Amino acid sequence: MNKIEDLVAASKLNELIHKKDDEKASKTILWVLAIVGAVAAVAAIAYAVYCFFTPDYLEDFEDDFEDDFDDDFFNEEDEV
């Protein structure tokens, strides 16, 4: 009977060792995902701040051409 008890005890010990390995692996994956999430959040905030403070030069560019094309649609004869 002593050998059977030793075998059962060894199997329980083996299960505990594997359980700790599984927990260690899951904690490692959790840390990696947390770091990737934090980096993504910082990048998103930096991009939002950049877009907010960067002036929109396209508006100035479009305003320059609006005045030039208005004259093309009217004939001088139509003006009274």
Protein backbone atom coordinates (compact mmCIF):
# COMPACT_ATOMS: atom_id res chain seq x y z
CA MET A 1 0.00 0.00 0.00
CA ASN A 2 2.86 2.33 0.64
CA LYS A 3 3.89 2.34 -3.03
CA ILE A 4 0.37 3.22 -4.15
CA GLU A 5 0.25 6.13 -1.72
CA ASP A 6 3.64 7.30 -2.96
CA LEU A 7 2.40 7.08 -6.54
CA VAL A 8 -0.75 9.09 -5.70
CA ALA A 9 1.32 11.68 -3.84
CA ALA A 10 3.73 11.95 -6.76
CA SER A 11 0.87 12.44 -9.22
CA LYS A 12 -0.63 15.19 -7.06
CA LEU A 13 2.77 16.87 -6.81
CA ASN A 14 3.14 16.62 -10.59
CA GLU A 15 -0.29 18.26 -11.05
CA LEU A 16 0.68 21.12 -8.74
CA ILE A 17 3.92 21.70 -10.63
CA HIS A 18 2.12 21.82 -13.97
CA LYS A 19 -0.56 24.08 -12.52
CA LYS A 20 2.08 26.60 -11.45
CA ASP A 21 3.62 26.48 -14.93
CA ASP A 22 0.21 27.19 -16.47
CA GLU A 23 -0.36 30.11 -14.12
CA LYS A 24 3.10 31.48 -14.91
CA ALA A 25 2.42 31.27 -18.65
CA SER A 26 -0.95 32.97 -18.31
CA LYS A 27 0.56 35.76 -16.22
CA THR A 28 3.28 36.27 -18.83
CA ILE A 29 0.70 36.52 -21.59
CA LEU A 30 -1.34 38.93 -19.50
CA TRP A 31 1.70 41.18 -18.95
CA VAL A 32 2.58 41.17 -22.64
CA LEU A 33 -0.99 42.12 -23.60
CA ALA A 34 -1.05 44.85 -20.96
CA ILE A 35 2.19 46.36 -22.27
CA VAL A 36 0.97 46.23 -25.88
CA GLY A 37 -2.31 47.86 -24.82
CA ALA A 38 -0.49 50.61 -22.94
CA VAL A 39 1.76 51.35 -25.93
CA ALA A 40 -1.27 51.45 -28.24
CA ALA A 41 -3.09 53.83 -25.88
CA VAL A 42 -0.09 56.17 -25.68
CA ALA A 43 0.25 56.12 -29.48
CA ALA A 44 -3.45 56.92 -29.92
CA ILE A 45 -3.24 59.83 -27.47
CA ALA A 46 -0.10 61.17 -29.17
CA TYR A 47 -1.79 60.99 -32.59
CA ALA A 48 -4.89 62.77 -31.27
CA VAL A 49 -2.79 65.56 -29.77
CA TYR A 50 -0.79 65.85 -33.00
CA CYS A 51 -3.96 66.13 -35.11
CA PHE A 52 -5.43 68.68 -32.73
CA PHE A 53 -2.42 71.00 -32.76
CA THR A 54 -1.40 70.64 -36.42
CA PRO A 55 -2.79 73.53 -38.47
CA ASP A 56 -4.92 72.65 -41.48
CA TYR A 57 -3.11 74.13 -44.45
CA LEU A 58 -5.64 72.72 -46.93
CA GLU A 59 -8.26 75.29 -45.92
CA ASP A 60 -5.89 78.12 -46.81
CA PHE A 61 -5.04 76.46 -50.11
CA GLU A 62 -8.72 76.07 -51.12
CA ASP A 63 -9.55 79.67 -50.17
CA ASP A 64 -6.96 80.98 -52.60
CA PHE A 65 -8.61 79.30 -55.59
CA GLU A 66 -12.24 80.11 -54.80
CA ASP A 67 -11.83 83.76 -55.77
CA ASP A 68 -10.19 82.99 -59.11
CA PHE A 69 -12.92 80.68 -60.39
CA ASP A 70 -15.86 82.91 -59.48
CA ASP A 71 -15.01 85.33 -62.30
CA ASP A 72 -15.01 82.61 -64.97
CA PHE A 73 -18.70 81.85 -64.63
CA PHE A 74 -19.97 85.36 -65.29
CA ASN A 75 -19.84 87.13 -68.59
CA GLU A 76 -19.16 90.80 -68.76
CA GLU A 77 -22.18 91.25 -71.00
CA ASP A 78 -24.52 89.83 -68.33
CA GLU A 79 -23.50 92.37 -65.76
CA VAL A 80 -25.77 95.42 -65.65
